[in-house]
Each structure stands twice: as structure tokens, then as C-alpha cells.
N, C-alpha and C. Protein backbone atom coordinates (compact mmCIF):
# COMPACT_ATOMS: atom_id res chain seq x y z
N MET A 1 65.76 -4.47 203.82
CA MET A 1 66.89 -5.37 203.81
C MET A 1 68.21 -4.60 203.63
N GLN A 2 68.17 -3.55 202.80
CA GLN A 2 69.36 -2.76 202.55
C GLN A 2 69.78 -2.02 203.82
N ALA A 3 68.82 -1.53 204.59
CA ALA A 3 69.13 -0.84 205.84
C ALA A 3 69.79 -1.80 206.82
N TRP A 4 69.30 -3.04 206.88
CA TRP A 4 69.90 -4.05 207.75
C TRP A 4 71.34 -4.32 207.34
N SER A 5 71.62 -4.41 206.06
CA SER A 5 72.97 -4.67 205.53
C SER A 5 73.91 -3.51 205.89
N GLN A 6 73.41 -2.26 205.78
CA GLN A 6 74.24 -1.11 206.12
C GLN A 6 74.54 -1.08 207.62
N MET A 7 73.53 -1.47 208.45
CA MET A 7 73.74 -1.48 209.88
C MET A 7 74.77 -2.54 210.27
N VAL A 8 74.71 -3.72 209.66
CA VAL A 8 75.68 -4.78 209.93
C VAL A 8 77.07 -4.33 209.49
N GLN A 9 77.15 -3.67 208.30
CA GLN A 9 78.43 -3.19 207.80
C GLN A 9 78.99 -2.10 208.73
N MET A 10 78.15 -1.18 209.18
CA MET A 10 78.59 -0.15 210.11
C MET A 10 79.06 -0.78 211.41
N THR A 11 78.34 -1.75 211.88
CA THR A 11 78.72 -2.42 213.10
C THR A 11 80.08 -3.10 212.92
N LEU A 12 80.32 -3.73 211.78
CA LEU A 12 81.59 -4.38 211.51
C LEU A 12 82.72 -3.34 211.46
N LEU A 13 82.48 -2.20 210.79
CA LEU A 13 83.48 -1.14 210.74
C LEU A 13 83.74 -0.56 212.12
N SER A 14 82.70 -0.40 212.92
CA SER A 14 82.86 0.09 214.28
C SER A 14 83.68 -0.88 215.11
N ARG A 15 83.42 -2.16 214.96
CA ARG A 15 84.17 -3.16 215.70
C ARG A 15 85.65 -3.16 215.31
N ILE A 16 85.90 -3.02 214.02
CA ILE A 16 87.29 -2.97 213.54
C ILE A 16 87.98 -1.74 214.10
N ALA A 17 87.30 -0.60 214.06
CA ALA A 17 87.88 0.64 214.58
C ALA A 17 88.17 0.51 216.07
N ILE A 18 87.24 -0.03 216.82
CA ILE A 18 87.44 -0.22 218.26
C ILE A 18 88.60 -1.17 218.52
N PHE A 19 88.71 -2.22 217.71
CA PHE A 19 89.80 -3.19 217.85
C PHE A 19 91.15 -2.52 217.58
N VAL A 20 91.25 -1.72 216.52
CA VAL A 20 92.50 -1.04 216.17
C VAL A 20 92.89 -0.04 217.26
N VAL A 21 91.93 0.75 217.73
CA VAL A 21 92.22 1.71 218.80
C VAL A 21 92.65 0.98 220.07
N SER A 22 92.01 -0.12 220.38
CA SER A 22 92.38 -0.91 221.56
C SER A 22 93.81 -1.43 221.44
N LEU A 23 94.19 -1.90 220.24
CA LEU A 23 95.56 -2.37 220.03
C LEU A 23 96.58 -1.24 220.22
N LEU A 24 96.24 -0.05 219.71
CA LEU A 24 97.15 1.09 219.88
C LEU A 24 97.30 1.47 221.34
N VAL A 25 96.20 1.52 222.05
CA VAL A 25 96.25 1.88 223.47
C VAL A 25 97.00 0.81 224.26
N LEU A 26 96.73 -0.45 223.98
CA LEU A 26 97.41 -1.54 224.67
C LEU A 26 98.91 -1.54 224.37
N GLY A 27 99.26 -1.32 223.10
CA GLY A 27 100.68 -1.28 222.71
C GLY A 27 101.43 -0.13 223.36
N SER A 28 100.84 1.07 223.34
CA SER A 28 101.51 2.21 223.95
C SER A 28 101.58 2.06 225.47
N SER A 29 100.57 1.45 226.07
CA SER A 29 100.60 1.20 227.52
C SER A 29 101.70 0.21 227.88
N ALA A 30 101.87 -0.83 227.05
CA ALA A 30 102.93 -1.80 227.29
C ALA A 30 104.31 -1.15 227.14
N LEU A 31 104.46 -0.26 226.15
CA LEU A 31 105.71 0.46 225.96
C LEU A 31 106.01 1.36 227.15
N GLU A 32 105.02 2.09 227.62
CA GLU A 32 105.18 2.96 228.79
C GLU A 32 105.57 2.15 230.03
N LEU A 33 104.90 1.03 230.24
CA LEU A 33 105.17 0.19 231.40
C LEU A 33 106.58 -0.39 231.34
N ALA A 34 106.99 -0.86 230.17
CA ALA A 34 108.35 -1.40 230.02
C ALA A 34 109.39 -0.32 230.29
N HIS A 35 109.15 0.90 229.82
CA HIS A 35 110.08 2.00 230.04
C HIS A 35 110.12 2.37 231.53
N LEU A 36 108.96 2.37 232.17
CA LEU A 36 108.89 2.66 233.60
C LEU A 36 109.69 1.64 234.40
N VAL A 37 109.55 0.36 234.06
CA VAL A 37 110.26 -0.69 234.78
C VAL A 37 111.77 -0.57 234.55
N GLN A 38 112.19 -0.30 233.31
CA GLN A 38 113.62 -0.25 232.98
C GLN A 38 114.30 1.02 233.48
N PHE A 39 113.65 2.18 233.33
CA PHE A 39 114.30 3.45 233.62
C PHE A 39 113.72 4.22 234.81
N GLY A 40 112.57 3.80 235.33
CA GLY A 40 112.00 4.44 236.51
C GLY A 40 111.17 5.67 236.24
N HIS A 41 110.82 5.93 234.98
CA HIS A 41 109.98 7.08 234.65
C HIS A 41 109.23 6.79 233.34
N PHE A 42 108.21 7.60 233.08
CA PHE A 42 107.44 7.43 231.85
C PHE A 42 108.10 8.14 230.68
N ILE A 43 107.69 7.79 229.50
CA ILE A 43 108.22 8.37 228.26
C ILE A 43 107.56 9.71 228.00
N SER A 44 108.36 10.68 227.56
CA SER A 44 107.79 11.94 227.10
C SER A 44 107.69 11.88 225.58
N PHE A 45 106.78 12.61 225.01
CA PHE A 45 106.59 12.63 223.56
C PHE A 45 107.77 13.36 222.92
N GLY A 46 108.31 12.82 221.84
CA GLY A 46 109.45 13.42 221.15
C GLY A 46 110.75 12.79 221.60
N PRO A 47 111.88 13.42 221.31
CA PRO A 47 113.17 12.88 221.74
C PRO A 47 113.28 12.84 223.26
N HIS A 48 113.91 11.79 223.77
CA HIS A 48 113.94 11.55 225.21
C HIS A 48 115.27 10.87 225.55
N ALA A 49 116.01 11.41 226.52
CA ALA A 49 117.31 10.85 226.92
C ALA A 49 117.17 9.98 228.16
N ASP A 50 117.84 8.83 228.13
CA ASP A 50 117.86 7.92 229.26
C ASP A 50 119.29 7.59 229.63
N LEU A 51 119.49 7.19 230.86
CA LEU A 51 120.78 6.76 231.36
C LEU A 51 120.82 5.24 231.36
N VAL A 52 121.87 4.66 230.78
CA VAL A 52 122.06 3.22 230.77
C VAL A 52 123.32 2.92 231.58
N ILE A 53 123.18 2.06 232.60
CA ILE A 53 124.31 1.66 233.45
C ILE A 53 124.56 0.18 233.22
N ARG A 54 125.82 -0.17 232.95
CA ARG A 54 126.17 -1.57 232.71
C ARG A 54 127.35 -1.96 233.60
N LYS A 55 127.38 -3.23 233.99
CA LYS A 55 128.57 -3.77 234.66
C LYS A 55 129.61 -3.98 233.56
N ALA A 56 130.84 -3.58 233.84
CA ALA A 56 131.90 -3.72 232.85
C ALA A 56 133.25 -3.78 233.53
N ASP A 57 134.21 -4.38 232.84
CA ASP A 57 135.57 -4.44 233.33
C ASP A 57 136.48 -3.91 232.23
N PHE A 58 136.89 -2.66 232.39
CA PHE A 58 137.80 -2.04 231.42
C PHE A 58 139.24 -2.14 231.86
N GLY A 59 139.49 -2.86 232.95
CA GLY A 59 140.84 -2.98 233.46
C GLY A 59 141.27 -1.80 234.32
N ILE A 60 140.32 -0.98 234.75
CA ILE A 60 140.63 0.15 235.63
C ILE A 60 140.34 -0.30 237.05
N PRO A 61 141.35 -0.38 237.91
CA PRO A 61 141.12 -0.86 239.28
C PRO A 61 140.07 -0.01 240.00
N GLY A 62 139.08 -0.69 240.59
CA GLY A 62 138.04 0.00 241.35
C GLY A 62 136.81 0.35 240.53
N ILE A 63 136.88 0.26 239.22
CA ILE A 63 135.75 0.63 238.35
C ILE A 63 135.07 -0.64 237.83
N THR A 64 133.77 -0.76 238.14
CA THR A 64 133.01 -1.95 237.72
C THR A 64 131.82 -1.61 236.84
N LYS A 65 131.60 -0.31 236.55
CA LYS A 65 130.41 0.10 235.78
C LYS A 65 130.79 1.08 234.69
N THR A 66 129.96 1.07 233.64
CA THR A 66 130.04 2.12 232.63
C THR A 66 128.68 2.79 232.55
N TYR A 67 128.71 4.03 232.10
CA TYR A 67 127.49 4.83 231.98
C TYR A 67 127.39 5.28 230.53
N GLU A 68 126.15 5.42 230.07
CA GLU A 68 125.92 5.79 228.68
C GLU A 68 124.61 6.57 228.58
N ALA A 69 124.62 7.63 227.79
CA ALA A 69 123.38 8.36 227.51
C ALA A 69 122.79 7.81 226.22
N LYS A 70 121.49 7.60 226.22
CA LYS A 70 120.79 7.06 225.05
C LYS A 70 119.63 7.98 224.71
N LEU A 71 119.65 8.53 223.50
CA LEU A 71 118.57 9.40 223.04
C LEU A 71 117.68 8.61 222.10
N THR A 72 116.40 8.52 222.43
CA THR A 72 115.42 7.80 221.61
C THR A 72 114.33 8.77 221.20
N ASN A 73 113.89 8.67 219.96
CA ASN A 73 112.81 9.53 219.47
C ASN A 73 111.47 8.81 219.67
N PHE A 74 110.63 9.36 220.53
CA PHE A 74 109.28 8.84 220.74
C PHE A 74 108.24 9.73 220.08
N GLY A 75 108.67 10.55 219.13
CA GLY A 75 107.77 11.43 218.39
C GLY A 75 107.49 10.88 217.00
N PHE A 76 106.47 11.40 216.38
CA PHE A 76 106.10 10.93 215.04
C PHE A 76 106.89 11.61 213.94
N THR A 77 107.54 12.72 214.25
CA THR A 77 108.38 13.40 213.25
C THR A 77 109.84 13.12 213.58
N PRO A 78 110.71 13.10 212.57
CA PRO A 78 112.12 12.80 212.83
C PRO A 78 112.80 13.91 213.63
N ALA A 79 113.73 13.51 214.47
CA ALA A 79 114.55 14.46 215.24
C ALA A 79 115.94 14.45 214.64
N ARG A 80 116.53 15.63 214.44
CA ARG A 80 117.89 15.71 213.90
C ARG A 80 118.89 15.86 215.04
N VAL A 81 119.95 15.07 214.94
CA VAL A 81 120.98 15.03 215.98
C VAL A 81 122.35 15.12 215.31
N SER A 82 123.22 15.96 215.86
CA SER A 82 124.60 15.99 215.39
C SER A 82 125.32 14.80 216.02
N ALA A 83 126.14 14.13 215.21
CA ALA A 83 126.81 12.93 215.69
C ALA A 83 128.21 12.83 215.11
N CYS A 84 128.98 11.96 215.70
CA CYS A 84 130.35 11.70 215.26
C CYS A 84 130.42 10.29 214.68
N GLU A 85 130.94 10.20 213.47
CA GLU A 85 131.15 8.90 212.82
C GLU A 85 132.64 8.59 212.82
N PHE A 86 132.99 7.38 213.21
CA PHE A 86 134.39 7.00 213.20
C PHE A 86 134.50 5.48 213.15
N ILE A 87 135.71 5.00 212.96
CA ILE A 87 135.98 3.57 212.97
C ILE A 87 136.56 3.23 214.34
N SER A 88 135.97 2.25 215.01
CA SER A 88 136.39 1.90 216.37
C SER A 88 137.70 1.10 216.34
N ASP A 89 138.22 0.82 217.53
CA ASP A 89 139.44 0.03 217.61
C ASP A 89 139.22 -1.42 217.19
N THR A 90 137.96 -1.83 217.02
CA THR A 90 137.65 -3.16 216.50
C THR A 90 137.37 -3.11 215.00
N LEU A 91 137.67 -1.96 214.39
CA LEU A 91 137.51 -1.71 212.94
C LEU A 91 136.05 -1.76 212.48
N LEU A 92 135.13 -1.44 213.38
CA LEU A 92 133.71 -1.36 213.04
C LEU A 92 133.29 0.10 213.00
N PRO A 93 132.37 0.46 212.08
CA PRO A 93 131.89 1.85 212.06
C PRO A 93 131.01 2.15 213.28
N VAL A 94 131.20 3.33 213.86
CA VAL A 94 130.46 3.74 215.05
C VAL A 94 129.90 5.13 214.81
N THR A 95 128.67 5.35 215.25
CA THR A 95 128.06 6.68 215.24
C THR A 95 127.62 6.99 216.66
N GLN A 96 128.16 8.07 217.23
CA GLN A 96 127.82 8.44 218.60
C GLN A 96 127.35 9.88 218.66
N ALA A 97 126.40 10.12 219.55
CA ALA A 97 125.88 11.47 219.76
C ALA A 97 126.91 12.32 220.49
N PHE A 98 126.90 13.63 220.22
CA PHE A 98 127.71 14.56 220.99
C PHE A 98 127.01 14.78 222.33
N TYR A 99 127.80 14.88 223.36
CA TYR A 99 127.23 15.02 224.70
C TYR A 99 128.20 15.78 225.58
N THR A 100 127.72 16.14 226.74
CA THR A 100 128.57 16.69 227.79
C THR A 100 128.30 15.92 229.06
N THR A 101 129.29 15.88 229.92
CA THR A 101 129.13 15.28 231.23
C THR A 101 129.09 16.42 232.24
N GLU A 102 128.09 16.39 233.12
CA GLU A 102 127.94 17.45 234.10
C GLU A 102 128.02 16.89 235.52
N LYS A 103 128.49 17.76 236.42
CA LYS A 103 128.59 17.42 237.83
C LYS A 103 127.81 18.46 238.62
N TRP A 104 127.03 17.99 239.60
CA TRP A 104 126.25 18.89 240.43
C TRP A 104 127.17 19.57 241.44
N ASP A 105 127.19 20.90 241.40
CA ASP A 105 128.01 21.69 242.32
C ASP A 105 127.11 22.10 243.49
N THR A 106 127.35 21.51 244.65
CA THR A 106 126.49 21.78 245.81
C THR A 106 126.65 23.21 246.33
N SER A 107 127.81 23.83 246.10
CA SER A 107 128.01 25.19 246.61
C SER A 107 127.22 26.23 245.82
N THR A 108 127.03 26.00 244.51
CA THR A 108 126.28 26.95 243.68
C THR A 108 124.89 26.44 243.31
N SER A 109 124.61 25.18 243.64
CA SER A 109 123.34 24.53 243.26
C SER A 109 123.10 24.61 241.76
N ARG A 110 124.16 24.34 241.01
CA ARG A 110 124.08 24.34 239.54
C ARG A 110 124.88 23.17 238.98
N TRP A 111 124.55 22.80 237.74
CA TRP A 111 125.30 21.77 237.04
C TRP A 111 126.54 22.42 236.43
N GLU A 112 127.69 21.78 236.62
CA GLU A 112 128.96 22.26 236.11
C GLU A 112 129.41 21.34 234.97
N ASN A 113 129.79 21.93 233.84
CA ASN A 113 130.24 21.17 232.69
C ASN A 113 131.62 20.59 232.97
N ILE A 114 131.75 19.27 232.90
CA ILE A 114 133.01 18.60 233.19
C ILE A 114 133.75 18.22 231.91
N LEU A 115 133.05 17.58 230.99
CA LEU A 115 133.69 17.09 229.77
C LEU A 115 132.70 17.21 228.62
N LYS A 116 133.10 17.93 227.60
CA LYS A 116 132.24 18.14 226.45
C LYS A 116 132.83 17.36 225.27
N SER A 117 132.10 16.38 224.76
CA SER A 117 132.65 15.50 223.73
C SER A 117 132.98 16.23 222.44
N ASP A 118 132.24 17.29 222.10
CA ASP A 118 132.52 17.97 220.83
C ASP A 118 133.72 18.92 220.91
N GLU A 119 134.30 19.08 222.12
CA GLU A 119 135.52 19.88 222.25
C GLU A 119 136.77 19.03 222.10
N LEU A 120 136.58 17.72 222.08
CA LEU A 120 137.72 16.82 221.95
C LEU A 120 138.11 16.67 220.49
N PRO A 121 139.40 16.56 220.20
CA PRO A 121 139.85 16.46 218.80
C PRO A 121 139.77 15.04 218.24
N THR A 122 138.82 14.24 218.69
CA THR A 122 138.79 12.85 218.29
C THR A 122 137.71 12.52 217.25
N CYS A 123 136.92 13.47 216.82
CA CYS A 123 135.84 13.18 215.87
C CYS A 123 136.29 13.50 214.45
N PRO A 124 136.54 12.47 213.66
CA PRO A 124 137.01 12.72 212.29
C PRO A 124 135.91 13.13 211.32
N HIS A 125 134.65 12.80 211.63
CA HIS A 125 133.57 13.06 210.68
C HIS A 125 132.28 13.41 211.41
N VAL A 126 131.89 14.67 211.38
CA VAL A 126 130.65 15.12 212.03
C VAL A 126 129.52 15.01 211.02
N ILE A 127 128.42 14.39 211.45
CA ILE A 127 127.27 14.21 210.57
C ILE A 127 126.00 14.71 211.27
N ALA A 128 124.96 14.93 210.48
CA ALA A 128 123.62 15.19 211.02
C ALA A 128 122.81 13.92 210.74
N ARG A 129 122.25 13.36 211.80
CA ARG A 129 121.51 12.11 211.66
C ARG A 129 120.06 12.33 212.05
N ARG A 130 119.17 11.72 211.32
CA ARG A 130 117.73 11.77 211.65
C ARG A 130 117.35 10.54 212.46
N LEU A 131 116.65 10.80 213.55
CA LEU A 131 116.11 9.71 214.36
C LEU A 131 114.61 9.64 214.10
N TRP A 132 114.16 8.55 213.54
CA TRP A 132 112.74 8.35 213.30
C TRP A 132 112.12 7.72 214.53
N LEU A 133 110.83 7.58 214.55
CA LEU A 133 110.09 7.00 215.67
C LEU A 133 110.74 5.68 216.11
N GLY A 134 111.14 5.61 217.37
CA GLY A 134 111.72 4.39 217.92
C GLY A 134 113.22 4.25 217.74
N GLN A 135 113.85 5.09 216.93
CA GLN A 135 115.29 4.99 216.72
C GLN A 135 116.05 5.67 217.85
N SER A 136 117.27 5.18 218.11
CA SER A 136 118.11 5.70 219.20
C SER A 136 119.52 5.97 218.72
N ILE A 137 120.21 6.81 219.47
CA ILE A 137 121.64 7.03 219.31
C ILE A 137 122.21 7.18 220.72
N THR A 138 123.44 6.71 220.92
CA THR A 138 124.02 6.77 222.25
C THR A 138 125.29 7.62 222.26
N SER A 139 125.74 7.91 223.47
CA SER A 139 126.99 8.65 223.66
C SER A 139 128.19 7.72 223.66
N GLY A 140 127.95 6.43 223.76
CA GLY A 140 129.03 5.47 223.94
C GLY A 140 129.28 5.27 225.42
N GLU A 141 129.79 4.12 225.78
CA GLU A 141 130.03 3.80 227.19
C GLU A 141 131.21 4.60 227.73
N VAL A 142 131.05 5.10 228.95
CA VAL A 142 132.08 5.89 229.60
C VAL A 142 132.25 5.39 231.04
N ALA A 143 133.47 5.18 231.44
CA ALA A 143 133.76 4.83 232.85
C ALA A 143 133.91 6.14 233.60
N ILE A 144 132.80 6.83 233.79
CA ILE A 144 132.80 8.20 234.30
C ILE A 144 133.36 8.29 235.72
N ALA A 145 133.19 7.24 236.52
CA ALA A 145 133.69 7.27 237.89
C ALA A 145 135.21 7.26 237.95
N ALA A 146 135.86 6.93 236.85
CA ALA A 146 137.33 6.94 236.80
C ALA A 146 137.90 8.33 236.59
N LYS A 147 137.06 9.30 236.23
CA LYS A 147 137.54 10.67 236.01
C LYS A 147 137.89 11.32 237.34
N ASP A 148 139.00 12.04 237.36
CA ASP A 148 139.45 12.70 238.59
C ASP A 148 138.48 13.76 239.10
N ALA A 149 137.64 14.30 238.21
CA ALA A 149 136.70 15.35 238.60
C ALA A 149 135.60 14.83 239.52
N PHE A 150 135.42 13.50 239.55
CA PHE A 150 134.34 12.92 240.34
C PHE A 150 134.88 12.16 241.53
N GLY A 151 134.14 12.26 242.64
CA GLY A 151 134.43 11.48 243.83
C GLY A 151 133.19 10.71 244.24
N ILE A 152 133.35 9.77 245.14
CA ILE A 152 132.21 8.99 245.60
C ILE A 152 131.20 9.93 246.26
N GLY A 153 129.93 9.79 245.89
CA GLY A 153 128.86 10.63 246.42
C GLY A 153 128.49 11.79 245.52
N ASP A 154 129.34 12.10 244.53
CA ASP A 154 129.00 13.19 243.59
C ASP A 154 127.82 12.79 242.71
N LYS A 155 127.08 13.78 242.27
CA LYS A 155 125.98 13.57 241.32
C LYS A 155 126.47 13.96 239.93
N ALA A 156 126.10 13.15 238.93
CA ALA A 156 126.50 13.42 237.55
C ALA A 156 125.29 13.26 236.64
N SER A 157 125.42 13.79 235.45
CA SER A 157 124.37 13.70 234.43
C SER A 157 125.02 13.86 233.07
N PHE A 158 124.40 13.29 232.05
CA PHE A 158 124.81 13.50 230.67
C PHE A 158 123.79 14.41 230.01
N VAL A 159 124.23 15.20 229.05
CA VAL A 159 123.34 16.01 228.23
C VAL A 159 123.71 15.74 226.78
N ILE A 160 122.75 15.24 226.00
CA ILE A 160 122.98 14.98 224.58
C ILE A 160 122.56 16.22 223.79
N PHE A 161 123.40 16.59 222.82
CA PHE A 161 123.12 17.74 221.97
C PHE A 161 122.42 17.32 220.69
N ALA A 162 121.31 17.96 220.39
CA ALA A 162 120.66 17.79 219.10
C ALA A 162 121.00 19.04 218.28
N GLU A 163 120.43 19.16 217.12
CA GLU A 163 120.70 20.35 216.30
C GLU A 163 119.90 21.54 216.81
N LYS A 164 120.32 22.73 216.38
CA LYS A 164 119.65 23.99 216.70
C LYS A 164 119.59 24.28 218.20
N GLY A 165 120.63 23.87 218.92
CA GLY A 165 120.73 24.21 220.33
C GLY A 165 119.86 23.39 221.27
N LEU A 166 119.16 22.38 220.77
CA LEU A 166 118.34 21.55 221.65
C LEU A 166 119.23 20.61 222.45
N THR A 167 118.93 20.46 223.73
CA THR A 167 119.67 19.54 224.58
C THR A 167 118.70 18.62 225.30
N PHE A 168 119.18 17.42 225.59
CA PHE A 168 118.35 16.41 226.26
C PHE A 168 119.15 15.79 227.40
N PRO A 169 118.85 16.19 228.65
CA PRO A 169 119.60 15.65 229.79
C PRO A 169 119.06 14.28 230.22
N THR A 170 119.97 13.47 230.77
CA THR A 170 119.55 12.21 231.37
C THR A 170 119.19 12.49 232.83
N ALA A 171 118.66 11.50 233.48
CA ALA A 171 118.44 11.60 234.92
C ALA A 171 119.80 11.68 235.62
N ALA A 172 119.84 12.34 236.74
CA ALA A 172 121.08 12.42 237.51
C ALA A 172 121.36 11.06 238.15
N PHE A 173 122.64 10.79 238.36
CA PHE A 173 123.02 9.54 239.00
C PHE A 173 124.17 9.81 239.97
N SER A 174 124.28 8.96 240.99
CA SER A 174 125.32 9.12 242.00
C SER A 174 126.54 8.28 241.64
N ILE A 175 127.69 8.87 241.85
CA ILE A 175 128.94 8.14 241.67
C ILE A 175 129.18 7.33 242.95
N ASP A 176 129.27 6.01 242.80
CA ASP A 176 129.41 5.15 243.99
C ASP A 176 130.69 4.32 243.96
N GLU A 177 131.61 4.65 243.08
CA GLU A 177 132.90 3.98 243.04
C GLU A 177 133.93 4.95 242.47
N HIS A 178 135.19 4.65 242.65
CA HIS A 178 136.25 5.51 242.12
C HIS A 178 137.47 4.66 241.80
N ARG A 179 138.25 5.17 240.90
CA ARG A 179 139.46 4.50 240.48
C ARG A 179 140.39 4.34 241.68
N VAL A 180 140.96 3.14 241.81
CA VAL A 180 141.90 2.86 242.89
C VAL A 180 143.31 2.95 242.29
N ILE A 181 144.12 3.79 242.88
CA ILE A 181 145.50 3.93 242.41
C ILE A 181 146.37 3.04 243.29
N PRO A 182 146.97 2.01 242.67
CA PRO A 182 147.79 1.11 243.49
C PRO A 182 149.01 1.83 244.07
N LYS A 183 149.31 1.51 245.30
CA LYS A 183 150.48 2.11 245.96
C LYS A 183 151.74 1.40 245.46
N PRO A 184 152.78 2.17 245.22
CA PRO A 184 154.01 1.53 244.76
C PRO A 184 154.62 0.67 245.88
N LYS A 185 155.17 -0.44 245.45
CA LYS A 185 155.80 -1.35 246.43
C LYS A 185 157.17 -0.81 246.79
N PRO A 186 157.52 -0.85 248.08
CA PRO A 186 158.83 -0.33 248.50
C PRO A 186 159.97 -1.22 248.07
């Protein structure tokens, strides 16, 4: 009778283990599928940068979109990222990752650094932030197509800087609009 009880208990523990493993596999598969649908690629283990494109109206003629780099940690250990803390124009606290904007140079077949956020004198407070599993930090929205360095058809990319020289590039994207400069009326 005792052997029968141990076998039933083992069977129950086995069923629970199989159920838990199935939930983990199903959950991670759902996460991978959602990421594939939203961003067009699968998640890599550890910190991972994605490009977020939004429709926006910043009052710049000809510009209808903003671009943003988003770094998310898909690893089990925390990732350290250097960031800028400041108060926005809406008087809310903001924390943004340091990043650079790059343009693909077809003549050299290399990425050219266009704008590096940590070279700008606008960050009043530099911090080191830990990103735990599932946490994200962004570069903030940028109307990148309004920059004079870019023209329609150019390829661009963001690179987010983590600590110790680690960088995380986003997927490249094409510039498909440009700032319209109104002609002066005679």
C-alpha cells in the first residue's frame, strides 16, 4: 500500500512539474510571437534594442512620425545602463537612455555617427540604472526625419549605450519624409 501511495505522489509531482514547464514554454512562446508580430524579429536573450515608430504632430511641416529606441532586458540578470534624468517641459521626471543616431553611408558601406546624445549639454543628471527582467528604457521620441543630415531614402539606426562600452543597435529604418520649408511669400 505504501508503494502505491508513493507512486501516486510521484505521479502527482510529475504532473505538476510537466504543467509548470508547459506554462513556461507557452508563456515564452507567446512573448516571442508577440515580439515577432510587433517588431518583425525574435527576442535575443539579455538586453535587446527595438525601434518604435509613432505617428505624431510636432508642428514641423512635412513630419508625421517620431522614432524612438527602446532597450528591454530579456535576461535573468540585471543590465546596467547609463541614463539622463531631467524634468520635462511638462514638469514630469524623465529618465532616458544615452544613444547615438547613425546614418548609413553608401560610399563607405559604414554607419556614420550623426548625433550623439551624451555630447549634448542638456543632461543635468547622469545616472546608472539597472534594468531587471522585462524592464525597458527609451531614448525618447525624436523627429529624426527633420534633421538636415537625413534625406528621403536614407537609412538610419539608433544605438543605445549601456555601461562598460556595451552598445545595442536598433534595426535600420528608411527615412520616408522630410521637413518642408515654406517658401516666403513675395
